[in-house]
Protein backbone atom coordinates (compact mmCIF):
# COMPACT_ATOMS: atom_id res chain seq x y z
CA MET A 1 44.05 -38.04 -4.30
CA GLU A 2 42.60 -34.72 -5.33
CA THR A 3 44.78 -32.55 -7.49
CA PHE A 4 43.67 -29.39 -9.20
CA GLY A 5 45.46 -27.36 -11.81
CA VAL A 6 44.95 -25.67 -15.13
CA LEU A 7 45.82 -27.41 -18.39
CA SER A 8 46.10 -25.37 -21.57
CA LEU A 9 45.05 -26.49 -25.02
CA ALA A 10 47.77 -26.29 -27.67
CA LYS A 11 47.69 -26.76 -31.44
CA TRP A 12 48.80 -30.20 -32.60
CA GLY A 13 48.40 -30.57 -36.37
CA ASN A 14 44.75 -29.90 -37.14
CA SER A 15 43.76 -30.81 -33.58
CA LEU A 16 44.13 -29.41 -30.10
CA ALA A 17 45.95 -31.27 -27.35
CA ILE A 18 46.65 -31.02 -23.64
CA ARG A 19 49.90 -31.89 -21.90
CA LEU A 20 49.75 -33.78 -18.64
CA PRO A 21 52.17 -32.73 -15.89
CA LYS A 22 54.96 -35.16 -14.96
CA LYS A 23 53.46 -35.69 -11.50
CA ILE A 24 50.24 -37.03 -13.03
CA LEU A 25 52.21 -39.23 -15.43
CA ASP A 26 54.24 -40.61 -12.52
CA ASP A 27 51.21 -41.06 -10.22
CA PHE A 28 49.44 -43.16 -12.85
CA SER A 29 52.57 -44.77 -14.35
CA LEU A 30 51.68 -43.38 -17.77
CA GLN A 31 54.14 -43.62 -20.64
CA THR A 32 54.30 -42.71 -24.31
CA LYS A 33 51.66 -44.56 -26.39
CA ASP A 34 49.54 -45.40 -23.31
CA GLU A 35 45.86 -44.84 -23.93
CA LEU A 36 43.27 -42.96 -21.92
CA ILE A 37 39.55 -43.64 -22.02
CA TYR A 38 37.43 -40.53 -21.93
CA LYS A 39 33.81 -40.00 -21.06
CA VAL A 40 31.61 -36.96 -20.63
CA GLU A 41 29.39 -36.84 -17.53
CA ASP A 42 27.51 -33.87 -16.14
CA ASN A 43 29.32 -31.48 -18.49
CA LYS A 44 32.74 -32.80 -17.33
CA ILE A 45 35.45 -34.59 -19.30
CA ILE A 46 36.74 -37.60 -17.37
CA LEU A 47 39.97 -39.35 -18.38
CA GLU A 48 40.85 -42.84 -17.16
CA PRO A 49 44.02 -44.76 -17.98
CA GLN A 50 43.25 -47.87 -19.98
CA LYS A 51 44.65 -50.88 -18.18
CA ARG A 52 47.64 -52.24 -20.02
CA LYS A 53 47.66 -55.95 -20.70
CA THR A 54 50.65 -57.94 -19.59
CA LEU A 55 52.43 -60.07 -22.16
CA LEU A 56 50.87 -63.15 -20.56
CA GLU A 57 47.38 -61.63 -20.87
CA GLU A 58 48.04 -60.85 -24.52
CA LEU A 59 49.25 -64.41 -25.19
CA PHE A 60 46.11 -65.91 -23.65
CA GLU A 61 43.69 -63.35 -25.08
CA GLY A 62 40.71 -65.20 -26.52
CA TYR A 63 41.75 -68.51 -24.93
CA ASP A 64 38.79 -70.39 -23.49
CA LEU A 65 39.80 -71.56 -20.02
CA ASP A 66 36.77 -73.85 -19.87
CA ALA A 67 37.63 -75.67 -23.11
CA ALA A 68 38.70 -79.30 -22.92
CA TYR A 69 42.44 -79.97 -23.04
CA PRO A 70 43.14 -80.47 -26.76
CA PHE A 71 45.61 -83.33 -26.38
CA GLU A 72 45.25 -86.85 -25.07
CA ILE A 73 47.09 -87.38 -21.83
CA ILE A 74 49.18 -90.54 -22.05
CA ASP A 75 50.73 -92.37 -19.14
CA LYS A 76 54.22 -93.28 -20.27
CA GLY A 77 54.97 -95.31 -17.17
CA GLY A 78 57.62 -94.65 -14.60
CA ALA A 79 61.36 -94.24 -14.97
CA VAL A 80 63.15 -97.23 -16.49
CA GLY A 81 66.74 -96.22 -15.93
CA GLU A 82 68.12 -93.26 -14.07
CA GLU A 83 65.86 -90.62 -15.62
CA LEU A 84 64.89 -87.71 -13.45
CA TYR A 85 61.29 -86.54 -13.47
């Protein structure tokens, strides 16, 4: 997907900002408060959307998948009455 256009710098407080066209926002599913990573290569500014973490990824952030299960597993036997497992 190659798209070319001109973006203008505008004053935003003491800084300058660019506005991204709606088509770009839609193409990359960008929303308010999303973050872009920038890098400078060969005298070019390159913007990349930072991958958003899902709620599940946030919940398990820092969790060691290789760690031993922290609880003892106990066999409580089978059903005694009419319990459903």
